[in-house]
């Protein structure tokens, strides 16, 4: 079996674990934000969920769909939350396809700290666009992941795609 190492995630996860004990949940404050505000990474707000760019993306356009309700347990999600999560993930895929034309996607959730969840106390679902050759030597040798586009520029392009798709 081949193994892929991602040592850059250790500092990120460790910082979030220590912050989780002392600070308010980072996701719970998003209900007060507006998509139009150029200073935040919020892309879309629904009745039960919101979609936000990941501040520490694996790839350009890495989005997360998050229920407003604070829960870490996947089994606690209501039917309405589940339906909206799936609908918002589909919308995210369409917007990313339109904006960046990826060749594939990773879709999923890390449930619990042991699974790699950086924010384990509030469940969220990732959609990561992928391209052939998007992994390279930089993370392994340089301990850095190269993201080719500024997050706020990505946000503006995604907002345009979302507006067109709604």
N, C-alpha and C. Protein backbone atom coordinates (compact mmCIF):
# COMPACT_ATOMS: atom_id res chain seq x y z
N UNK A 1 0.84 -1.18 0.00
CA UNK A 1 0.00 0.00 0.00
C UNK A 1 0.88 1.24 0.00
N UNK A 2 0.54 2.19 -0.86
CA UNK A 2 1.24 3.47 -0.89
C UNK A 2 0.62 4.39 0.14
N UNK A 3 1.43 5.25 0.71
CA UNK A 3 0.94 6.22 1.69
C UNK A 3 1.25 7.62 1.20
N UNK A 4 0.32 8.51 1.42
CA UNK A 4 0.54 9.90 1.09
C UNK A 4 0.59 10.66 2.41
N UNK A 5 1.64 11.38 2.61
CA UNK A 5 1.81 12.13 3.85
C UNK A 5 1.38 13.57 3.63
N UNK A 6 0.72 14.14 4.62
CA UNK A 6 0.33 15.55 4.54
C UNK A 6 0.71 16.24 5.84
N UNK A 7 2.01 16.44 6.05
CA UNK A 7 2.48 17.01 7.32
C UNK A 7 2.01 18.43 7.57
N UNK A 8 1.66 19.18 6.54
CA UNK A 8 1.20 20.56 6.73
C UNK A 8 -0.11 20.61 7.50
N UNK A 9 -0.88 19.52 7.53
CA UNK A 9 -2.16 19.50 8.23
C UNK A 9 -1.99 19.43 9.75
N UNK A 10 -0.86 18.94 10.23
CA UNK A 10 -0.68 18.76 11.67
C UNK A 10 -0.81 20.07 12.43
N UNK A 11 -0.10 21.10 11.99
CA UNK A 11 -0.18 22.40 12.67
C UNK A 11 -1.59 22.96 12.63
N UNK A 12 -2.23 22.84 11.49
CA UNK A 12 -3.60 23.34 11.34
C UNK A 12 -4.55 22.63 12.30
N UNK A 13 -4.50 21.31 12.33
CA UNK A 13 -5.39 20.54 13.20
C UNK A 13 -5.08 20.80 14.67
N UNK A 14 -3.80 20.81 15.03
CA UNK A 14 -3.42 21.08 16.42
C UNK A 14 -3.93 22.45 16.88
N UNK A 15 -3.78 23.47 16.04
CA UNK A 15 -4.26 24.81 16.39
C UNK A 15 -5.77 24.83 16.59
N UNK A 16 -6.49 24.14 15.72
CA UNK A 16 -7.95 24.12 15.84
C UNK A 16 -8.40 23.36 17.08
N UNK A 17 -7.72 22.28 17.41
CA UNK A 17 -8.09 21.50 18.60
C UNK A 17 -7.92 22.36 19.85
N UNK A 18 -6.81 23.08 19.95
CA UNK A 18 -6.58 23.93 21.12
C UNK A 18 -7.56 25.11 21.16
N UNK A 19 -7.88 25.68 20.00
CA UNK A 19 -8.83 26.78 19.95
C UNK A 19 -10.23 26.31 20.30
N UNK A 20 -10.59 25.09 19.92
CA UNK A 20 -11.95 24.58 20.14
C UNK A 20 -12.31 24.57 21.62
N UNK A 21 -11.33 24.42 22.48
CA UNK A 21 -11.59 24.38 23.92
C UNK A 21 -11.82 25.77 24.50
N UNK A 22 -11.37 26.82 23.80
CA UNK A 22 -11.41 28.15 24.40
C UNK A 22 -12.26 29.15 23.63
N UNK A 23 -12.63 28.86 22.40
CA UNK A 23 -13.33 29.83 21.58
C UNK A 23 -14.69 29.31 21.12
N UNK A 24 -15.54 30.24 20.72
CA UNK A 24 -16.82 29.90 20.14
C UNK A 24 -16.60 29.17 18.82
N UNK A 25 -17.53 28.31 18.45
CA UNK A 25 -17.44 27.56 17.20
C UNK A 25 -17.33 28.53 16.02
N UNK A 26 -16.34 28.30 15.18
CA UNK A 26 -16.11 29.18 14.03
C UNK A 26 -17.28 29.16 13.06
N UNK A 27 -17.96 28.02 12.92
CA UNK A 27 -19.07 27.92 11.97
C UNK A 27 -20.35 28.59 12.48
N UNK A 28 -20.56 28.61 13.77
CA UNK A 28 -21.81 29.16 14.31
C UNK A 28 -21.98 30.65 14.01
N UNK A 29 -20.91 31.37 13.84
CA UNK A 29 -21.00 32.79 13.54
C UNK A 29 -21.36 33.10 12.10
N UNK A 30 -21.32 32.11 11.21
CA UNK A 30 -21.56 32.36 9.79
C UNK A 30 -23.00 32.76 9.49
N UNK A 31 -23.94 32.43 10.34
CA UNK A 31 -25.34 32.78 10.07
C UNK A 31 -25.53 34.29 10.03
N UNK A 32 -24.64 35.04 10.65
CA UNK A 32 -24.74 36.50 10.69
C UNK A 32 -24.07 37.19 9.51
N UNK A 33 -23.29 36.45 8.73
CA UNK A 33 -22.54 37.04 7.62
C UNK A 33 -23.38 37.16 6.36
N UNK A 34 -22.95 38.02 5.46
CA UNK A 34 -23.59 38.22 4.17
C UNK A 34 -22.63 37.77 3.06
N UNK A 35 -23.18 37.12 2.04
CA UNK A 35 -22.36 36.66 0.92
C UNK A 35 -21.67 37.82 0.22
N UNK A 36 -22.35 38.96 0.17
CA UNK A 36 -21.83 40.11 -0.58
C UNK A 36 -20.60 40.75 0.08
N UNK A 37 -20.38 40.48 1.36
CA UNK A 37 -19.25 41.08 2.06
C UNK A 37 -17.94 40.51 1.49
N UNK A 38 -17.11 41.36 0.89
CA UNK A 38 -15.89 40.86 0.26
C UNK A 38 -14.83 40.39 1.25
N UNK A 39 -15.04 40.61 2.55
CA UNK A 39 -14.03 40.25 3.54
C UNK A 39 -14.19 38.83 4.07
N UNK A 40 -15.32 38.17 3.81
CA UNK A 40 -15.48 36.80 4.30
C UNK A 40 -15.51 35.83 3.12
N UNK A 41 -15.51 34.56 3.43
CA UNK A 41 -15.45 33.52 2.39
C UNK A 41 -16.79 32.83 2.16
N UNK A 42 -17.87 33.43 2.66
CA UNK A 42 -19.21 32.88 2.49
C UNK A 42 -19.64 32.97 1.04
N UNK A 43 -20.16 31.86 0.52
CA UNK A 43 -20.57 31.79 -0.88
C UNK A 43 -22.09 31.78 -1.02
N UNK A 44 -22.78 31.03 -0.15
CA UNK A 44 -24.21 30.83 -0.31
C UNK A 44 -24.84 30.54 1.04
N UNK A 45 -26.07 31.05 1.23
CA UNK A 45 -26.83 30.77 2.44
C UNK A 45 -28.17 30.17 2.05
N UNK A 46 -28.52 29.07 2.72
CA UNK A 46 -29.83 28.46 2.54
C UNK A 46 -30.62 28.58 3.82
N UNK A 47 -31.73 27.86 3.90
CA UNK A 47 -32.55 27.86 5.12
C UNK A 47 -31.88 27.10 6.25
N UNK A 48 -31.25 25.98 5.91
CA UNK A 48 -30.68 25.08 6.91
C UNK A 48 -29.16 25.01 6.87
N UNK A 49 -28.55 25.52 5.80
CA UNK A 49 -27.10 25.38 5.61
C UNK A 49 -26.51 26.64 4.98
N UNK A 50 -25.19 26.70 5.00
CA UNK A 50 -24.46 27.71 4.24
C UNK A 50 -23.28 27.03 3.58
N UNK A 51 -22.76 27.67 2.54
CA UNK A 51 -21.59 27.17 1.81
C UNK A 51 -20.49 28.21 1.91
N UNK A 52 -19.29 27.74 2.23
CA UNK A 52 -18.16 28.63 2.46
C UNK A 52 -16.89 28.03 1.84
N UNK A 53 -16.02 28.91 1.35
CA UNK A 53 -14.70 28.45 0.90
C UNK A 53 -13.88 28.02 2.11
N UNK A 54 -13.12 26.97 1.97
CA UNK A 54 -12.23 26.51 3.03
C UNK A 54 -11.04 27.46 3.11
N UNK A 55 -10.77 27.96 4.30
CA UNK A 55 -9.64 28.87 4.52
C UNK A 55 -8.31 28.16 4.30
N UNK A 56 -8.28 26.85 4.51
CA UNK A 56 -7.07 26.04 4.31
C UNK A 56 -7.37 24.97 3.26
N UNK A 57 -7.51 25.38 2.00
CA UNK A 57 -7.99 24.46 0.97
C UNK A 57 -6.96 23.42 0.54
N UNK A 58 -7.47 22.27 0.13
CA UNK A 58 -6.62 21.28 -0.52
C UNK A 58 -6.38 21.66 -1.97
N UNK A 59 -7.36 22.29 -2.57
CA UNK A 59 -7.27 22.77 -3.95
C UNK A 59 -8.06 24.06 -4.08
N UNK A 60 -7.77 24.81 -5.13
CA UNK A 60 -8.52 26.01 -5.43
C UNK A 60 -10.00 25.67 -5.59
N UNK A 61 -10.87 26.40 -4.89
CA UNK A 61 -12.30 26.15 -4.98
C UNK A 61 -12.84 25.17 -3.96
N UNK A 62 -12.02 24.72 -3.01
CA UNK A 62 -12.43 23.77 -1.97
C UNK A 62 -13.54 24.41 -1.13
N UNK A 63 -14.75 23.86 -1.23
CA UNK A 63 -15.92 24.39 -0.53
C UNK A 63 -16.37 23.47 0.58
N UNK A 64 -17.10 24.04 1.53
CA UNK A 64 -17.72 23.26 2.60
C UNK A 64 -19.18 23.67 2.72
N UNK A 65 -20.05 22.67 2.84
CA UNK A 65 -21.46 22.91 3.11
C UNK A 65 -21.69 22.54 4.57
N UNK A 66 -22.26 23.49 5.32
CA UNK A 66 -22.33 23.38 6.78
C UNK A 66 -23.76 23.65 7.24
N UNK A 67 -24.32 22.77 8.08
CA UNK A 67 -25.63 23.10 8.66
C UNK A 67 -25.47 24.24 9.67
N UNK A 68 -26.48 25.10 9.76
CA UNK A 68 -26.44 26.16 10.77
C UNK A 68 -26.47 25.57 12.17
N UNK A 69 -27.27 24.52 12.35
CA UNK A 69 -27.44 23.93 13.68
C UNK A 69 -26.12 23.29 14.12
N UNK A 70 -25.69 23.62 15.32
CA UNK A 70 -24.44 23.13 15.87
C UNK A 70 -24.61 21.69 16.33
N UNK A 71 -24.02 20.77 15.57
CA UNK A 71 -23.99 19.36 15.95
C UNK A 71 -22.76 18.72 15.34
N UNK A 72 -22.21 17.76 16.04
CA UNK A 72 -21.08 17.02 15.50
C UNK A 72 -21.51 15.64 15.02
N UNK A 73 -22.75 15.26 15.31
CA UNK A 73 -23.22 13.91 15.04
C UNK A 73 -24.01 13.85 13.74
N UNK A 74 -23.48 13.15 12.79
CA UNK A 74 -24.11 12.96 11.49
C UNK A 74 -25.52 12.39 11.65
N UNK A 75 -25.71 11.51 12.60
CA UNK A 75 -27.02 10.87 12.81
C UNK A 75 -28.06 11.84 13.37
N UNK A 76 -27.63 12.99 13.89
CA UNK A 76 -28.56 13.99 14.43
C UNK A 76 -29.18 14.89 13.36
N UNK A 77 -28.65 14.86 12.16
CA UNK A 77 -29.17 15.74 11.12
C UNK A 77 -30.60 15.35 10.76
N UNK A 78 -31.45 16.36 10.59
CA UNK A 78 -32.84 16.11 10.23
C UNK A 78 -32.94 15.77 8.74
N UNK A 79 -34.07 15.24 8.34
CA UNK A 79 -34.30 14.97 6.92
C UNK A 79 -34.18 16.24 6.09
N UNK A 80 -34.69 17.35 6.62
CA UNK A 80 -34.61 18.63 5.92
C UNK A 80 -33.16 19.10 5.77
N UNK A 81 -32.37 18.93 6.82
CA UNK A 81 -30.95 19.30 6.74
C UNK A 81 -30.22 18.42 5.74
N UNK A 82 -30.48 17.12 5.79
CA UNK A 82 -29.84 16.20 4.85
C UNK A 82 -30.18 16.56 3.41
N UNK A 83 -31.44 16.85 3.15
CA UNK A 83 -31.86 17.18 1.79
C UNK A 83 -31.17 18.46 1.32
N UNK A 84 -31.15 19.48 2.17
CA UNK A 84 -30.52 20.73 1.76
C UNK A 84 -29.01 20.55 1.59
N UNK A 85 -28.37 19.77 2.44
CA UNK A 85 -26.94 19.52 2.30
C UNK A 85 -26.65 18.92 0.93
N UNK A 86 -27.42 17.91 0.55
CA UNK A 86 -27.18 17.27 -0.76
C UNK A 86 -27.47 18.24 -1.91
N UNK A 87 -28.56 19.01 -1.79
CA UNK A 87 -28.88 19.99 -2.83
C UNK A 87 -27.78 21.04 -2.96
N UNK A 88 -27.25 21.49 -1.84
CA UNK A 88 -26.19 22.51 -1.86
C UNK A 88 -24.87 21.93 -2.39
N UNK A 89 -24.60 20.66 -2.10
CA UNK A 89 -23.40 20.02 -2.67
C UNK A 89 -23.54 19.90 -4.19
N UNK A 90 -24.74 19.58 -4.67
CA UNK A 90 -24.97 19.52 -6.12
C UNK A 90 -24.79 20.90 -6.75
N UNK A 91 -25.33 21.93 -6.10
CA UNK A 91 -25.16 23.29 -6.60
C UNK A 91 -23.68 23.68 -6.61
N UNK A 92 -22.97 23.33 -5.56
CA UNK A 92 -21.53 23.62 -5.49
C UNK A 92 -20.79 22.95 -6.63
N UNK A 93 -21.12 21.70 -6.91
CA UNK A 93 -20.46 20.98 -8.02
C UNK A 93 -20.71 21.69 -9.34
N UNK A 94 -21.95 22.09 -9.57
CA UNK A 94 -22.27 22.78 -10.83
C UNK A 94 -21.52 24.11 -10.93
N UNK A 95 -21.49 24.86 -9.83
CA UNK A 95 -20.79 26.15 -9.85
C UNK A 95 -19.29 25.97 -10.06
N UNK A 96 -18.71 24.99 -9.37
CA UNK A 96 -17.27 24.73 -9.54
C UNK A 96 -16.98 24.26 -10.96
N UNK A 97 -17.86 23.42 -11.51
CA UNK A 97 -17.68 22.95 -12.88
C UNK A 97 -17.69 24.12 -13.85
N UNK A 98 -18.63 25.03 -13.65
CA UNK A 98 -18.74 26.21 -14.51
C UNK A 98 -17.55 27.14 -14.34
N UNK A 99 -17.11 27.35 -13.09
CA UNK A 99 -16.05 28.30 -12.81
C UNK A 99 -14.66 27.78 -13.19
N UNK A 100 -14.38 26.53 -12.86
CA UNK A 100 -12.99 26.06 -12.94
C UNK A 100 -12.78 24.82 -13.81
N UNK A 101 -13.85 24.21 -14.26
CA UNK A 101 -13.79 23.04 -15.14
C UNK A 101 -12.88 21.91 -14.62
N UNK A 102 -13.10 21.50 -13.35
CA UNK A 102 -12.29 20.39 -12.82
C UNK A 102 -12.62 19.08 -13.54
N UNK A 103 -11.70 18.14 -13.44
CA UNK A 103 -11.87 16.84 -14.08
C UNK A 103 -12.51 15.82 -13.14
N UNK A 104 -12.65 16.17 -11.89
CA UNK A 104 -13.27 15.29 -10.91
C UNK A 104 -13.45 16.04 -9.59
N UNK A 105 -14.00 15.34 -8.61
CA UNK A 105 -14.27 15.93 -7.29
C UNK A 105 -14.03 14.90 -6.20
N UNK A 106 -13.61 15.38 -5.03
CA UNK A 106 -13.68 14.60 -3.79
C UNK A 106 -14.83 15.20 -3.01
N UNK A 107 -15.64 14.32 -2.42
CA UNK A 107 -16.81 14.74 -1.67
C UNK A 107 -16.87 13.93 -0.39
N UNK A 108 -17.03 14.58 0.77
CA UNK A 108 -17.14 13.82 2.00
C UNK A 108 -17.07 14.66 3.25
N UNK A 109 -17.09 13.95 4.39
CA UNK A 109 -17.02 14.58 5.70
C UNK A 109 -16.08 13.78 6.58
N UNK A 110 -15.34 14.49 7.41
CA UNK A 110 -14.50 13.85 8.42
C UNK A 110 -15.25 13.97 9.74
N UNK A 111 -15.71 12.86 10.25
CA UNK A 111 -16.55 12.87 11.44
C UNK A 111 -15.72 12.44 12.64
N UNK A 112 -15.45 13.39 13.53
CA UNK A 112 -14.62 13.13 14.71
C UNK A 112 -13.18 13.51 14.49
N UNK A 113 -12.49 13.86 15.58
CA UNK A 113 -11.08 14.26 15.51
C UNK A 113 -10.21 13.16 14.93
N UNK A 114 -10.51 11.93 15.30
CA UNK A 114 -9.66 10.81 14.86
C UNK A 114 -9.70 10.62 13.35
N UNK A 115 -10.77 11.09 12.71
CA UNK A 115 -10.89 10.93 11.26
C UNK A 115 -10.18 12.05 10.50
N UNK A 116 -9.69 13.04 11.23
CA UNK A 116 -8.99 14.14 10.60
C UNK A 116 -9.79 15.43 10.56
N UNK A 117 -10.94 15.44 11.23
CA UNK A 117 -11.75 16.66 11.24
C UNK A 117 -11.01 17.77 11.98
N UNK A 118 -10.73 18.86 11.29
CA UNK A 118 -10.09 20.00 11.93
C UNK A 118 -11.04 20.72 12.86
N UNK A 119 -12.31 20.73 12.51
CA UNK A 119 -13.35 21.31 13.35
C UNK A 119 -14.34 20.18 13.61
N UNK A 120 -14.09 19.42 14.65
CA UNK A 120 -14.86 18.21 14.91
C UNK A 120 -16.19 18.47 15.60
N UNK A 121 -16.35 19.63 16.22
CA UNK A 121 -17.56 19.87 17.00
C UNK A 121 -18.73 20.41 16.18
N UNK A 122 -18.54 20.66 14.88
CA UNK A 122 -19.62 21.13 14.01
C UNK A 122 -19.45 20.44 12.66
N UNK A 123 -20.34 19.51 12.37
CA UNK A 123 -20.20 18.71 11.14
C UNK A 123 -20.26 19.61 9.90
N UNK A 124 -19.49 19.25 8.90
CA UNK A 124 -19.46 19.98 7.64
C UNK A 124 -19.02 19.01 6.54
N UNK A 125 -19.40 19.34 5.32
CA UNK A 125 -19.18 18.45 4.18
C UNK A 125 -18.32 19.16 3.14
N UNK A 126 -17.29 18.48 2.70
CA UNK A 126 -16.31 19.06 1.77
C UNK A 126 -16.63 18.65 0.34
N UNK A 127 -16.41 19.58 -0.58
CA UNK A 127 -16.37 19.26 -2.00
C UNK A 127 -15.11 19.91 -2.55
N UNK A 128 -14.22 19.09 -3.06
CA UNK A 128 -12.90 19.54 -3.51
C UNK A 128 -12.74 19.25 -5.00
N UNK A 129 -12.59 20.29 -5.82
CA UNK A 129 -12.36 20.05 -7.24
C UNK A 129 -10.97 19.46 -7.46
N UNK A 130 -10.88 18.58 -8.46
CA UNK A 130 -9.60 17.90 -8.73
C UNK A 130 -9.28 17.96 -10.23
N UNK A 131 -8.00 18.05 -10.52
CA UNK A 131 -7.51 18.06 -11.88
C UNK A 131 -6.38 17.03 -11.99
N UNK A 132 -6.23 16.47 -13.14
CA UNK A 132 -5.11 15.56 -13.39
C UNK A 132 -3.81 16.33 -13.16
N UNK A 133 -2.97 15.80 -12.30
CA UNK A 133 -1.69 16.45 -12.02
C UNK A 133 -1.75 17.51 -10.94
N UNK A 134 -2.86 17.60 -10.19
CA UNK A 134 -2.95 18.65 -9.18
C UNK A 134 -2.17 18.33 -7.91
N UNK A 135 -1.61 17.17 -7.82
CA UNK A 135 -0.69 16.88 -6.72
C UNK A 135 0.71 16.86 -7.29
N UNK A 136 1.67 17.34 -6.51
CA UNK A 136 3.04 17.41 -7.00
C UNK A 136 4.01 17.34 -5.83
N UNK A 137 5.24 17.67 -6.06
CA UNK A 137 6.28 17.53 -5.05
C UNK A 137 6.25 18.60 -3.96
N UNK A 138 5.56 19.69 -4.17
CA UNK A 138 5.61 20.80 -3.22
C UNK A 138 5.17 20.42 -1.80
N UNK A 139 4.04 19.73 -1.61
CA UNK A 139 3.65 19.40 -0.24
C UNK A 139 4.64 18.46 0.45
N UNK A 140 5.21 17.54 -0.30
CA UNK A 140 6.11 16.55 0.30
C UNK A 140 7.48 17.15 0.58
N UNK A 141 8.07 17.78 -0.42
CA UNK A 141 9.43 18.29 -0.26
C UNK A 141 9.48 19.69 0.35
N UNK A 142 8.52 20.52 -0.02
CA UNK A 142 8.55 21.90 0.42
C UNK A 142 7.67 22.19 1.62
N UNK A 143 6.91 21.19 2.08
CA UNK A 143 5.99 21.36 3.22
C UNK A 143 5.03 22.52 2.96
N UNK A 144 4.56 22.62 1.69
CA UNK A 144 3.66 23.70 1.30
C UNK A 144 2.74 23.21 0.19
N UNK A 145 1.50 23.64 0.23
CA UNK A 145 0.54 23.34 -0.83
C UNK A 145 0.35 24.62 -1.64
N UNK A 146 0.51 24.54 -2.93
CA UNK A 146 0.37 25.69 -3.80
C UNK A 146 -1.09 25.81 -4.24
N UNK A 147 -1.71 26.92 -3.90
CA UNK A 147 -3.06 27.23 -4.35
C UNK A 147 -2.92 28.33 -5.37
N UNK A 148 -3.42 28.09 -6.57
CA UNK A 148 -3.10 28.97 -7.69
C UNK A 148 -3.93 30.23 -7.79
N UNK A 149 -4.93 30.39 -6.94
CA UNK A 149 -5.77 31.57 -7.05
C UNK A 149 -6.09 32.12 -5.66
N UNK A 150 -6.14 33.43 -5.53
CA UNK A 150 -6.49 34.08 -4.29
C UNK A 150 -7.91 33.68 -3.87
N UNK A 151 -8.12 33.43 -2.56
CA UNK A 151 -9.43 32.99 -2.08
C UNK A 151 -10.53 34.00 -2.38
N UNK A 152 -10.26 35.28 -2.21
CA UNK A 152 -11.29 36.28 -2.46
C UNK A 152 -11.61 36.42 -3.95
N UNK A 153 -10.62 36.17 -4.82
CA UNK A 153 -10.88 36.14 -6.26
C UNK A 153 -11.73 34.92 -6.59
N UNK A 154 -11.39 33.79 -5.98
CA UNK A 154 -12.19 32.57 -6.16
C UNK A 154 -13.62 32.82 -5.71
N UNK A 155 -13.79 33.50 -4.57
CA UNK A 155 -15.13 33.80 -4.06
C UNK A 155 -15.92 34.59 -5.09
N UNK A 156 -15.35 35.63 -5.66
CA UNK A 156 -16.08 36.45 -6.64
C UNK A 156 -16.49 35.63 -7.86
N UNK A 157 -15.63 34.76 -8.32
CA UNK A 157 -15.96 33.92 -9.47
C UNK A 157 -17.05 32.92 -9.12
N UNK A 158 -17.01 32.37 -7.90
CA UNK A 158 -18.05 31.43 -7.47
C UNK A 158 -19.39 32.13 -7.26
N UNK A 159 -19.36 33.33 -6.68
CA UNK A 159 -20.61 34.08 -6.50
C UNK A 159 -21.29 34.31 -7.85
N UNK A 160 -20.52 34.64 -8.87
CA UNK A 160 -21.08 34.84 -10.22
C UNK A 160 -21.68 33.54 -10.75
N UNK A 161 -20.98 32.43 -10.54
CA UNK A 161 -21.50 31.13 -11.00
C UNK A 161 -22.77 30.75 -10.25
N UNK A 162 -22.78 30.96 -8.94
CA UNK A 162 -23.98 30.65 -8.14
C UNK A 162 -25.16 31.50 -8.61
N UNK A 163 -24.92 32.78 -8.84
CA UNK A 163 -25.99 33.70 -9.25
C UNK A 163 -26.58 33.21 -10.57
N UNK A 164 -25.74 32.77 -11.46
CA UNK A 164 -26.20 32.30 -12.77
C UNK A 164 -26.99 30.99 -12.65
N UNK A 165 -26.65 30.15 -11.69
CA UNK A 165 -27.29 28.84 -11.54
C UNK A 165 -28.60 28.89 -10.74
N UNK A 166 -28.80 29.94 -9.96
CA UNK A 166 -30.02 30.02 -9.14
C UNK A 166 -31.20 30.54 -9.93
